[in-house]
Amino acid sequence: MFDETYFRTKLNRDVEATGGQPVVEVQLSSGHAHRVRSVIEITPGSITLETYLARGDLAHERPRFNAPEGDSAVKDTFRAVIAYESIAAVIFDPAPSQVRARPGFASS
């Protein structure tokens, strides 16, 4: 189970272990997921995250944890307050940041 201790101490170690700027996704037990830019506040019952706006047409983009302010994806963020008990998993993807070609007529 995820709790205040995990987000205060272990999250940053997991980020560093994957190369320092992975794609971090918090998956909820409801099936919804949030791609995380940064942690805003950690409290005993919940965590406030700055998350990227998920849009289907931008699913191929790979917004990074702690992305610099100049990053184009940073403008499309919002805050999410999440109860620890609703978190099913925290996923770290260390893959290089590159836009991948999408299959179909839109690919180049």
PDB file of N, CA and C in Angstrom:
ATOM      1  N   MET A   1       0.845  -1.185   0.000  1.00  0.00           N
ATOM      2  CA  MET A   1       0.000   0.000   0.000  1.00  0.00           C
ATOM      3  C   MET A   1       0.886   1.244   0.000  1.00  0.00           C
ATOM      4  N   PHE A   2       0.449   2.254  -0.730  1.00  0.00           N
ATOM      5  CA  PHE A   2       1.189   3.508  -0.793  1.00  0.00           C
ATOM      6  C   PHE A   2       0.730   4.431   0.326  1.00  0.00           C
ATOM      7  N   ASP A   3       1.677   5.181   0.863  1.00  0.00           N
ATOM      8  CA  ASP A   3       1.366   6.072   1.960  1.00  0.00           C
ATOM      9  C   ASP A   3       2.296   7.270   1.930  1.00  0.00           C
ATOM     10  N   GLU A   4       2.190   8.101   2.967  1.00  0.00           N
ATOM     11  CA  GLU A   4       2.991   9.311   3.080  1.00  0.00           C
ATOM     12  C   GLU A   4       4.486   8.990   3.032  1.00  0.00           C
ATOM     13  N   THR A   5       4.903   7.940   3.710  1.00  0.00           N
ATOM     14  CA  THR A   5       6.318   7.559   3.746  1.00  0.00           C
ATOM     15  C   THR A   5       6.844   7.245   2.347  1.00  0.00           C
ATOM     16  N   TYR A   6       6.050   6.534   1.555  1.00  0.00           N
ATOM     17  CA  TYR A   6       6.496   6.201   0.194  1.00  0.00           C
ATOM     18  C   TYR A   6       6.767   7.478  -0.595  1.00  0.00           C
ATOM     19  N   PHE A   7       5.828   8.419  -0.574  1.00  0.00           N
ATOM     20  CA  PHE A   7       5.984   9.617  -1.382  1.00  0.00           C
ATOM     21  C   PHE A   7       7.021  10.587  -0.830  1.00  0.00           C
ATOM     22  N   ARG A   8       7.294  10.533   0.464  1.00  0.00           N
ATOM     23  CA  ARG A   8       8.337  11.401   1.041  1.00  0.00           C
ATOM     24  C   ARG A   8       9.746  10.858   0.812  1.00  0.00           C
ATOM     25  N   THR A   9       9.899   9.549   0.822  1.00  0.00           N
ATOM     26  CA  THR A   9      11.256   8.988   0.786  1.00  0.00           C
ATOM     27  C   THR A   9      11.550   8.097  -0.413  1.00  0.00           C
ATOM     28  N   LYS A  10      10.659   7.213  -0.758  1.00  0.00           N
ATOM     29  CA  LYS A  10      10.964   6.209  -1.774  1.00  0.00           C
ATOM     30  C   LYS A  10      10.726   6.663  -3.205  1.00  0.00           C
ATOM     31  N   LEU A  11       9.768   7.552  -3.435  1.00  0.00           N
ATOM     32  CA  LEU A  11       9.470   7.992  -4.798  1.00  0.00           C
ATOM     33  C   LEU A  11      10.712   8.565  -5.467  1.00  0.00           C
ATOM     34  N   ASN A  12      11.400   9.482  -4.806  1.00  0.00           N
ATOM     35  CA  ASN A  12      12.592  10.089  -5.412  1.00  0.00           C
ATOM     36  C   ASN A  12      13.697   9.063  -5.651  1.00  0.00           C
ATOM     37  N   ARG A  13      13.826   8.071  -4.768  1.00  0.00           N
ATOM     38  CA  ARG A  13      14.810   7.007  -5.002  1.00  0.00           C
ATOM     39  C   ARG A  13      14.443   6.189  -6.229  1.00  0.00           C
ATOM     40  N   ASP A  14      13.158   5.900  -6.397  1.00  0.00           N
ATOM     41  CA  ASP A  14      12.712   5.160  -7.579  1.00  0.00           C
ATOM     42  C   ASP A  14      12.936   5.972  -8.858  1.00  0.00           C
ATOM     43  N   VAL A  15      12.690   7.280  -8.795  1.00  0.00           N
ATOM     44  CA  VAL A  15      12.939   8.158  -9.947  1.00  0.00           C
ATOM     45  C   VAL A  15      14.426   8.135 -10.310  1.00  0.00           C
ATOM     46  N   GLU A  16      15.289   8.291  -9.328  1.00  0.00           N
ATOM     47  CA  GLU A  16      16.736   8.272  -9.582  1.00  0.00           C
ATOM     48  C   GLU A  16      17.195   6.917 -10.110  1.00  0.00           C
ATOM     49  N   ALA A  17      16.620   5.853  -9.612  1.00  0.00           N
ATOM     50  CA  ALA A  17      17.004   4.510 -10.051  1.00  0.00           C
ATOM     51  C   ALA A  17      16.650   4.257 -11.510  1.00  0.00           C
ATOM     52  N   THR A  18      15.707   5.019 -12.047  1.00  0.00           N
ATOM     53  CA  THR A  18      15.324   4.841 -13.451  1.00  0.00           C
ATOM     54  C   THR A  18      15.952   5.890 -14.359  1.00  0.00           C
ATOM     55  N   GLY A  19      16.939   6.614 -13.865  1.00  0.00           N
ATOM     56  CA  GLY A  19      17.668   7.552 -14.710  1.00  0.00           C
ATOM     57  C   GLY A  19      17.388   9.011 -14.447  1.00  0.00           C
ATOM     58  N   GLY A  20      16.529   9.338 -13.507  1.00  0.00           N
ATOM     59  CA  GLY A  20      16.346  10.724 -13.107  1.00  0.00           C
ATOM     60  C   GLY A  20      15.177  11.462 -13.712  1.00  0.00           C
ATOM     61  N   GLN A  21      14.706  11.084 -14.882  1.00  0.00           N
ATOM     62  CA  GLN A  21      13.571  11.788 -15.467  1.00  0.00           C
ATOM     63  C   GLN A  21      12.681  10.824 -16.265  1.00  0.00           C
ATOM     64  N   PRO A  22      12.126   9.828 -15.576  1.00  0.00           N
ATOM     65  CA  PRO A  22      11.266   8.863 -16.260  1.00  0.00           C
ATOM     66  C   PRO A  22       9.860   9.419 -16.465  1.00  0.00           C
ATOM     67  N   VAL A  23       9.064   8.700 -17.211  1.00  0.00           N
ATOM     68  CA  VAL A  23       7.627   8.952 -17.244  1.00  0.00           C
ATOM     69  C   VAL A  23       7.087   8.245 -15.998  1.00  0.00           C
ATOM     70  N   VAL A  24       6.387   8.990 -15.138  1.00  0.00           N
ATOM     71  CA  VAL A  24       5.828   8.423 -13.911  1.00  0.00           C
ATOM     72  C   VAL A  24       4.312   8.463 -14.028  1.00  0.00           C
ATOM     73  N   GLU A  25       3.701   7.325 -13.812  1.00  0.00           N
ATOM     74  CA  GLU A  25       2.247   7.227 -13.912  1.00  0.00           C
ATOM     75  C   GLU A  25       1.701   6.629 -12.627  1.00  0.00           C
ATOM     76  N   VAL A  26       0.709   7.298 -12.034  1.00  0.00           N
ATOM     77  CA  VAL A  26       0.023   6.787 -10.855  1.00  0.00           C
ATOM     78  C   VAL A  26      -1.283   6.175 -11.343  1.00  0.00           C
ATOM     79  N   GLN A  27      -1.416   4.876 -11.128  1.00  0.00           N
ATOM     80  CA  GLN A  27      -2.631   4.171 -11.545  1.00  0.00           C
ATOM     81  C   GLN A  27      -3.536   3.990 -10.332  1.00  0.00           C
ATOM     82  N   LEU A  28      -4.803   4.297 -10.520  1.00  0.00           N
ATOM     83  CA  LEU A  28      -5.772   4.205  -9.440  1.00  0.00           C
ATOM     84  C   LEU A  28      -6.554   2.902  -9.526  1.00  0.00           C
ATOM     85  N   SER A  29      -7.106   2.487  -8.408  1.00  0.00           N
ATOM     86  CA  SER A  29      -7.889   1.251  -8.383  1.00  0.00           C
ATOM     87  C   SER A  29      -9.139   1.358  -9.255  1.00  0.00           C
ATOM     88  N   SER A  30      -9.565   2.566  -9.595  1.00  0.00           N
ATOM     89  CA  SER A  30     -10.717   2.775 -10.473  1.00  0.00           C
ATOM     90  C   SER A  30     -10.381   2.494 -11.932  1.00  0.00           C
ATOM     91  N   GLY A  31      -9.080   2.359 -12.226  1.00  0.00           N
ATOM     92  CA  GLY A  31      -8.654   2.151 -13.601  1.00  0.00           C
ATOM     93  C   GLY A  31      -8.118   3.425 -14.243  1.00  0.00           C
ATOM     94  N   HIS A  32      -8.378   4.577 -13.647  1.00  0.00           N
ATOM     95  CA  HIS A  32      -7.870   5.843 -14.167  1.00  0.00           C
ATOM     96  C   HIS A  32      -6.375   5.956 -13.853  1.00  0.00           C
ATOM     97  N   ALA A  33      -5.651   6.696 -14.667  1.00  0.00           N
ATOM     98  CA  ALA A  33      -4.216   6.893 -14.439  1.00  0.00           C
ATOM     99  C   ALA A  33      -3.867   8.366 -14.613  1.00  0.00           C
ATOM    100  N   HIS A  34      -2.856   8.818 -13.875  1.00  0.00           N
ATOM    101  CA  HIS A  34      -2.357  10.185 -13.976  1.00  0.00           C
ATOM    102  C   HIS A  34      -0.876  10.136 -14.323  1.00  0.00           C
ATOM    103  N   ARG A  35      -0.471  10.867 -15.367  1.00  0.00           N
ATOM    104  CA  ARG A  35       0.950  11.043 -15.667  1.00  0.00           C
ATOM    105  C   ARG A  35       1.425  12.234 -14.845  1.00  0.00           C
ATOM    106  N   VAL A  36       2.447  12.019 -14.039  1.00  0.00           N
ATOM    107  CA  VAL A  36       2.862  12.985 -13.021  1.00  0.00           C
ATOM    108  C   VAL A  36       4.011  13.866 -13.504  1.00  0.00           C
ATOM    109  N   ARG A  37       3.850  15.176 -13.320  1.00  0.00           N
ATOM    110  CA  ARG A  37       4.953  16.105 -13.561  1.00  0.00           C
ATOM    111  C   ARG A  37       5.712  16.345 -12.267  1.00  0.00           C
ATOM    112  N   SER A  38       4.975  16.577 -11.162  1.00  0.00           N
ATOM    113  CA  SER A  38       5.642  16.828  -9.890  1.00  0.00           C
ATOM    114  C   SER A  38       4.703  16.569  -8.726  1.00  0.00           C
ATOM    115  N   VAL A  39       5.291  16.459  -7.550  1.00  0.00           N
ATOM    116  CA  VAL A  39       4.541  16.308  -6.306  1.00  0.00           C
ATOM    117  C   VAL A  39       4.425  17.704  -5.697  1.00  0.00           C
ATOM    118  N   ILE A  40       3.200  18.131  -5.426  1.00  0.00           N
ATOM    119  CA  ILE A  40       2.966  19.458  -4.869  1.00  0.00           C
ATOM    120  C   ILE A  40       2.910  19.418  -3.346  1.00  0.00           C
ATOM    121  N   GLU A  41       2.134  18.463  -2.796  1.00  0.00           N
ATOM    122  CA  GLU A  41       1.992  18.380  -1.340  1.00  0.00           C
ATOM    123  C   GLU A  41       1.751  16.938  -0.921  1.00  0.00           C
ATOM    124  N   ILE A  42       2.369  16.573   0.202  1.00  0.00           N
ATOM    125  CA  ILE A  42       2.204  15.243   0.777  1.00  0.00           C
ATOM    126  C   ILE A  42       1.589  15.416   2.162  1.00  0.00           C
ATOM    127  N   THR A  43       0.435  14.801   2.383  1.00  0.00           N
ATOM    128  CA  THR A  43      -0.232  14.871   3.682  1.00  0.00           C
ATOM    129  C   THR A  43      -0.457  13.452   4.187  1.00  0.00           C
ATOM    130  N   PRO A  44      -0.863  13.280   5.436  1.00  0.00           N
ATOM    131  CA  PRO A  44      -1.067  11.924   5.959  1.00  0.00           C
ATOM    132  C   PRO A  44      -2.114  11.094   5.206  1.00  0.00           C
ATOM    133  N   GLY A  45      -3.150  11.711   4.612  1.00  0.00           N
ATOM    134  CA  GLY A  45      -4.205  10.940   3.961  1.00  0.00           C
ATOM    135  C   GLY A  45      -4.223  10.992   2.455  1.00  0.00           C
ATOM    136  N   SER A  46      -3.505  11.967   1.876  1.00  0.00           N
ATOM    137  CA  SER A  46      -3.561  12.124   0.423  1.00  0.00           C
ATOM    138  C   SER A  46      -2.311  12.814  -0.100  1.00  0.00           C
ATOM    139  N   ILE A  47      -2.208  12.825  -1.419  1.00  0.00           N
ATOM    140  CA  ILE A  47      -1.106  13.497  -2.083  1.00  0.00           C
ATOM    141  C   ILE A  47      -1.675  14.406  -3.160  1.00  0.00           C
ATOM    142  N   THR A  48      -1.085  15.590  -3.311  1.00  0.00           N
ATOM    143  CA  THR A  48      -1.485  16.501  -4.375  1.00  0.00           C
ATOM    144  C   THR A  48      -0.396  16.468  -5.433  1.00  0.00           C
ATOM    145  N   LEU A  49      -0.802  16.144  -6.662  1.00  0.00           N
ATOM    146  CA  LEU A  49       0.137  15.996  -7.770  1.00  0.00           C
ATOM    147  C   LEU A  49      -0.144  17.025  -8.849  1.00  0.00           C
ATOM    148  N   GLU A  50       0.902  17.468  -9.518  1.00  0.00           N
ATOM    149  CA  GLU A  50       0.742  18.224 -10.753  1.00  0.00           C
ATOM    150  C   GLU A  50       0.807  17.172 -11.849  1.00  0.00           C
ATOM    151  N   THR A  51      -0.267  17.027 -12.605  1.00  0.00           N
ATOM    152  CA  THR A  51      -0.345  15.983 -13.612  1.00  0.00           C
ATOM    153  C   THR A  51      -0.574  16.586 -14.983  1.00  0.00           C
ATOM    154  N   TYR A  52      -0.166  15.848 -15.985  1.00  0.00           N
ATOM    155  CA  TYR A  52      -0.345  16.289 -17.363  1.00  0.00           C
ATOM    156  C   TYR A  52      -1.765  16.012 -17.815  1.00  0.00           C
ATOM    157  N   LEU A  53      -2.312  16.922 -18.578  1.00  0.00           N
ATOM    158  CA  LEU A  53      -3.627  16.736 -19.160  1.00  0.00           C
ATOM    159  C   LEU A  53      -3.547  15.603 -20.164  1.00  0.00           C
ATOM    160  N   ALA A  54      -4.360  14.584 -19.985  1.00  0.00           N
ATOM    161  CA  ALA A  54      -4.346  13.427 -20.872  1.00  0.00           C
ATOM    162  C   ALA A  54      -5.321  13.668 -22.014  1.00  0.00           C
ATOM    163  N   ARG A  55      -4.776  13.760 -23.201  1.00  0.00           N
ATOM    164  CA  ARG A  55      -5.609  13.936 -24.394  1.00  0.00           C
ATOM    165  C   ARG A  55      -5.271  12.822 -25.364  1.00  0.00           C
ATOM    166  N   GLY A  56      -6.288  12.199 -25.896  1.00  0.00           N
ATOM    167  CA  GLY A  56      -6.094  11.065 -26.786  1.00  0.00           C
ATOM    168  C   GLY A  56      -5.192  11.355 -27.962  1.00  0.00           C
ATOM    169  N   ASP A  57      -5.273  12.559 -28.513  1.00  0.00           N
ATOM    170  CA  ASP A  57      -4.462  12.880 -29.679  1.00  0.00           C
ATOM    171  C   ASP A  57      -2.993  13.102 -29.325  1.00  0.00           C
ATOM    172  N   LEU A  58      -2.682  13.205 -28.040  1.00  0.00           N
ATOM    173  CA  LEU A  58      -1.296  13.397 -27.613  1.00  0.00           C
ATOM    174  C   LEU A  58      -0.766  12.179 -26.858  1.00  0.00           C
ATOM    175  N   ALA A  59      -1.423  11.046 -27.009  1.00  0.00           N
ATOM    176  CA  ALA A  59      -1.043   9.840 -26.273  1.00  0.00           C
ATOM    177  C   ALA A  59       0.372   9.386 -26.611  1.00  0.00           C
ATOM    178  N   HIS A  60       0.880   9.738 -27.782  1.00  0.00           N
ATOM    179  CA  HIS A  60       2.228   9.328 -28.186  1.00  0.00           C
ATOM    180  C   HIS A  60       3.312  10.154 -27.507  1.00  0.00           C
ATOM    181  N   GLU A  61       2.951  11.302 -26.904  1.00  0.00           N
ATOM    182  CA  GLU A  61       3.949  12.115 -26.203  1.00  0.00           C
ATOM    183  C   GLU A  61       4.286  11.468 -24.876  1.00  0.00           C
ATOM    184  N   ARG A  62       5.492  11.698 -24.399  1.00  0.00           N
ATOM    185  CA  ARG A  62       5.965  11.061 -23.182  1.00  0.00           C
ATOM    186  C   ARG A  62       6.390  12.132 -22.183  1.00  0.00           C
ATOM    187  N   PRO A  63       5.426  12.792 -21.527  1.00  0.00           N
ATOM    188  CA  PRO A  63       5.774  13.852 -20.585  1.00  0.00           C
ATOM    189  C   PRO A  63       6.541  13.303 -19.389  1.00  0.00           C
ATOM    190  N   ARG A  64       7.570  13.998 -18.998  1.00  0.00           N
ATOM    191  CA  ARG A  64       8.512  13.538 -17.980  1.00  0.00           C
ATOM    192  C   ARG A  64       8.235  14.099 -16.601  1.00  0.00           C
ATOM    193  N   PHE A  65       8.678  13.341 -15.593  1.00  0.00           N
ATOM    194  CA  PHE A  65       8.625  13.768 -14.196  1.00  0.00           C
ATOM    195  C   PHE A  65       9.636  14.892 -14.025  1.00  0.00           C
ATOM    196  N   ASN A  66       9.240  15.976 -13.375  1.00  0.00           N
ATOM    197  CA  ASN A  66      10.081  17.149 -13.147  1.00  0.00           C
ATOM    198  C   ASN A  66      10.586  17.765 -14.451  1.00  0.00           C
ATOM    199  N   ALA A  67       9.741  17.803 -15.470  1.00  0.00           N
ATOM    200  CA  ALA A  67      10.111  18.412 -16.752  1.00  0.00           C
ATOM    201  C   ALA A  67      10.402  19.893 -16.549  1.00  0.00           C
ATOM    202  N   PRO A  68      11.374  20.434 -17.267  1.00  0.00           N
ATOM    203  CA  PRO A  68      11.702  21.856 -17.127  1.00  0.00           C
ATOM    204  C   PRO A  68      10.555  22.747 -17.601  1.00  0.00           C
ATOM    205  N   GLU A  69      10.508  23.974 -17.102  1.00  0.00           N
ATOM    206  CA  GLU A  69       9.426  24.910 -17.420  1.00  0.00           C
ATOM    207  C   GLU A  69       9.285  25.160 -18.917  1.00  0.00           C
ATOM    208  N   GLY A  70      10.340  25.100 -19.684  1.00  0.00           N
ATOM    209  CA  GLY A  70      10.269  25.363 -21.115  1.00  0.00           C
ATOM    210  C   GLY A  70       9.667  24.234 -21.925  1.00  0.00           C
ATOM    211  N   ASP A  71       9.438  23.100 -21.322  1.00  0.00           N
ATOM    212  CA  ASP A  71       8.886  21.939 -22.015  1.00  0.00           C
ATOM    213  C   ASP A  71       7.461  22.258 -22.475  1.00  0.00           C
ATOM    214  N   SER A  72       7.148  21.955 -23.730  1.00  0.00           N
ATOM    215  CA  SER A  72       5.844  22.302 -24.288  1.00  0.00           C
ATOM    216  C   SER A  72       4.689  21.598 -23.584  1.00  0.00           C
ATOM    217  N   ALA A  73       4.923  20.418 -23.012  1.00  0.00           N
ATOM    218  CA  ALA A  73       3.848  19.686 -22.339  1.00  0.00           C
ATOM    219  C   ALA A  73       3.480  20.307 -20.995  1.00  0.00           C
ATOM    220  N   VAL A  74       4.374  21.127 -20.424  1.00  0.00           N
ATOM    221  CA  VAL A  74       4.153  21.679 -19.083  1.00  0.00           C
ATOM    222  C   VAL A  74       2.931  22.592 -19.039  1.00  0.00           C
ATOM    223  N   LYS A  75       2.599  23.271 -20.130  1.00  0.00           N
ATOM    224  CA  LYS A  75       1.456  24.190 -20.115  1.00  0.00           C
ATOM    225  C   LYS A  75       0.126  23.465 -19.940  1.00  0.00           C
ATOM    226  N   ASP A  76       0.079  22.194 -20.269  1.00  0.00           N
ATOM    227  CA  ASP A  76      -1.147  21.414 -20.156  1.00  0.00           C
ATOM    228  C   ASP A  76      -1.125  20.546 -18.906  1.00  0.00           C
ATOM    229  N   THR A  77      -1.131  21.197 -17.739  1.00  0.00           N
ATOM    230  CA  THR A  77      -1.096  20.466 -16.479  1.00  0.00           C
ATOM    231  C   THR A  77      -2.266  20.890 -15.593  1.00  0.00           C
ATOM    232  N   PHE A  78      -2.573  20.054 -14.611  1.00  0.00           N
ATOM    233  CA  PHE A  78      -3.581  20.383 -13.622  1.00  0.00           C
ATOM    234  C   PHE A  78      -3.214  19.696 -12.320  1.00  0.00           C
ATOM    235  N   ARG A  79      -3.916  20.032 -11.252  1.00  0.00           N
ATOM    236  CA  ARG A  79      -3.665  19.420  -9.947  1.00  0.00           C
ATOM    237  C   ARG A  79      -4.664  18.317  -9.683  1.00  0.00           C
ATOM    238  N   ALA A  80      -4.172  17.259  -9.079  1.00  0.00           N
ATOM    239  CA  ALA A  80      -5.039  16.145  -8.681  1.00  0.00           C
ATOM    240  C   ALA A  80      -4.717  15.803  -7.234  1.00  0.00           C
ATOM    241  N   VAL A  81      -5.732  15.756  -6.395  1.00  0.00           N
ATOM    242  CA  VAL A  81      -5.587  15.333  -5.005  1.00  0.00           C
ATOM    243  C   VAL A  81      -6.083  13.895  -4.945  1.00  0.00           C
ATOM    244  N   ILE A  82      -5.201  12.990  -4.518  1.00  0.00           N
ATOM    245  CA  ILE A  82      -5.500  11.561  -4.568  1.00  0.00           C
ATOM    246  C   ILE A  82      -5.312  10.941  -3.190  1.00  0.00           C
ATOM    247  N   ALA A  83      -6.320  10.213  -2.735  1.00  0.00           N
ATOM    248  CA  ALA A  83      -6.228   9.477  -1.463  1.00  0.00           C
ATOM    249  C   ALA A  83      -5.301   8.282  -1.674  1.00  0.00           C
ATOM    250  N   TYR A  84      -4.421   8.027  -0.732  1.00  0.00           N
ATOM    251  CA  TYR A  84      -3.477   6.908  -0.847  1.00  0.00           C
ATOM    252  C   TYR A  84      -4.191   5.587  -1.071  1.00  0.00           C
ATOM    253  N   GLU A  85      -5.319   5.396  -0.406  1.00  0.00           N
ATOM    254  CA  GLU A  85      -6.035   4.119  -0.505  1.00  0.00           C
ATOM    255  C   GLU A  85      -6.559   3.834  -1.912  1.00  0.00           C
ATOM    256  N   SER A  86      -6.635   4.861  -2.766  1.00  0.00           N
ATOM    257  CA  SER A  86      -7.123   4.649  -4.127  1.00  0.00           C
ATOM    258  C   SER A  86      -5.999   4.352  -5.115  1.00  0.00           C
ATOM    259  N   ILE A  87      -4.743   4.375  -4.674  1.00  0.00           N
ATOM    260  CA  ILE A  87      -3.606   4.139  -5.567  1.00  0.00           C
ATOM    261  C   ILE A  87      -3.337   2.645  -5.663  1.00  0.00           C
ATOM    262  N   ALA A  88      -3.375   2.139  -6.888  1.00  0.00           N
ATOM    263  CA  ALA A  88      -3.120   0.715  -7.131  1.00  0.00           C
ATOM    264  C   ALA A  88      -1.656   0.467  -7.478  1.00  0.00           C
ATOM    265  N   ALA A  89      -1.015   1.406  -8.208  1.00  0.00           N
ATOM    266  CA  ALA A  89       0.374   1.209  -8.638  1.00  0.00           C
ATOM    267  C   ALA A  89       0.996   2.540  -9.025  1.00  0.00           C
ATOM    268  N   VAL A  90       2.322   2.595  -8.920  1.00  0.00           N
ATOM    269  CA  VAL A  90       3.101   3.709  -9.448  1.00  0.00           C
ATOM    270  C   VAL A  90       4.066   3.092 -10.452  1.00  0.00           C
ATOM    271  N   ILE A  91       3.961   3.525 -11.703  1.00  0.00           N
ATOM    272  CA  ILE A  91       4.735   2.944 -12.802  1.00  0.00           C
ATOM    273  C   ILE A  91       5.814   3.924 -13.229  1.00  0.00           C
ATOM    274  N   PHE A  92       7.034   3.423 -13.438  1.00  0.00           N
ATOM    275  CA  PHE A  92       8.167   4.230 -13.893  1.00  0.00           C
ATOM    276  C   PHE A  92       8.627   3.703 -15.240  1.00  0.00           C
ATOM    277  N   ASP A  93       8.664   4.570 -16.248  1.00  0.00           N
ATOM    278  CA  ASP A  93       9.122   4.190 -17.578  1.00  0.00           C
ATOM    279  C   ASP A  93      10.345   5.026 -17.919  1.00  0.00           C
ATOM    280  N   PRO A  94      11.537   4.419 -17.889  1.00  0.00           N
ATOM    281  CA  PRO A  94      12.762   5.182 -18.133  1.00  0.00           C
ATOM    282  C   PRO A  94      13.094   5.371 -19.612  1.00  0.00           C
ATOM    283  N   ALA A  95      12.211   4.954 -20.515  1.00  0.00           N
ATOM    284  CA  ALA A  95      12.488   5.014 -21.955  1.00  0.00           C
ATOM    285  C   ALA A  95      12.864   6.436 -22.378  1.00  0.00           C
ATOM    286  N   PRO A  96      13.734   6.553 -23.354  1.00  0.00           N
ATOM    287  CA  PRO A  96      14.145   7.879 -23.828  1.00  0.00           C
ATOM    288  C   PRO A  96      12.945   8.701 -24.302  1.00  0.00           C
ATOM    289  N   SER A  97      13.042  10.003 -24.133  1.00  0.00           N
ATOM    290  CA  SER A  97      11.976  10.891 -24.552  1.00  0.00           C
ATOM    291  C   SER A  97      12.080  11.146 -26.042  1.00  0.00           C
ATOM    292  N   GLN A  98      11.207  10.505 -26.787  1.00  0.00           N
ATOM    293  CA  GLN A  98      11.155  10.734 -28.220  1.00  0.00           C
ATOM    294  C   GLN A  98       9.735  10.499 -28.696  1.00  0.00           C
ATOM    295  N   VAL A  99       9.352  11.270 -29.668  1.00  0.00           N
ATOM    296  CA  VAL A  99       8.020  11.099 -30.225  1.00  0.00           C
ATOM    297  C   VAL A  99       8.080   9.940 -31.193  1.00  0.00           C
ATOM    298  N   ARG A 100       7.208   8.992 -30.991  1.00  0.00           N
ATOM    299  CA  ARG A 100       7.170   7.827 -31.854  1.00  0.00           C
ATOM    300  C   ARG A 100       6.134   8.025 -32.939  1.00  0.00           C
ATOM    301  N   ALA A 101       6.420   7.509 -34.116  1.00  0.00           N
ATOM    302  CA  ALA A 101       5.462   7.584 -35.213  1.00  0.00           C
ATOM    303  C   ALA A 101       4.224   6.790 -34.862  1.00  0.00           C
ATOM    304  N   ARG A 102       3.076   7.348 -35.151  1.00  0.00           N
ATOM    305  CA  ARG A 102       1.820   6.650 -34.922  1.00  0.00           C
ATOM    306  C   ARG A 102       1.439   5.911 -36.191  1.00  0.00           C
ATOM    307  N   PRO A 103       0.905   4.729 -36.066  1.00  0.00           N
ATOM    308  CA  PRO A 103       0.502   3.981 -37.260  1.00  0.00           C
ATOM    309  C   PRO A 103      -0.697   4.635 -37.936  1.00  0.00           C
ATOM    310  N   GLY A 104      -0.779   4.452 -39.236  1.00  0.00           N
ATOM    311  CA  GLY A 104      -1.926   4.975 -39.970  1.00  0.00           C
ATOM    312  C   GLY A 104      -1.547   6.117 -40.880  1.00  0.00           C
ATOM    313  N   PHE A 105      -2.545   6.840 -41.333  1.00  0.00           N
ATOM    314  CA  PHE A 105      -2.331   7.903 -42.314  1.00  0.00           C
ATOM    315  C   PHE A 105      -1.590   9.100 -41.758  1.00  0.00           C
ATOM    316  N   ALA A 106      -1.622   9.313 -40.447  1.00  0.00           N
ATOM    317  CA  ALA A 106      -0.975  10.468 -39.845  1.00  0.00           C
ATOM    318  C   ALA A 106       0.522  10.279 -39.668  1.00  0.00           C
ATOM    319  N   SER A 107       1.028   9.045 -39.841  1.00  0.00           N
ATOM    320  CA  SER A 107       2.453   8.813 -39.618  1.00  0.00           C
ATOM    321  C   SER A 107       3.264   9.385 -40.760  1.00  0.00           C
ATOM    322  N   SER A 108       4.503   9.747 -40.440  1.00  0.00           N
ATOM    323  CA  SER A 108       5.350  10.338 -41.484  1.00  0.00           C
ATOM    324  C   SER A 108       6.564   9.496 -41.745  1.00  0.00           C
TER     325      SER A 108
END
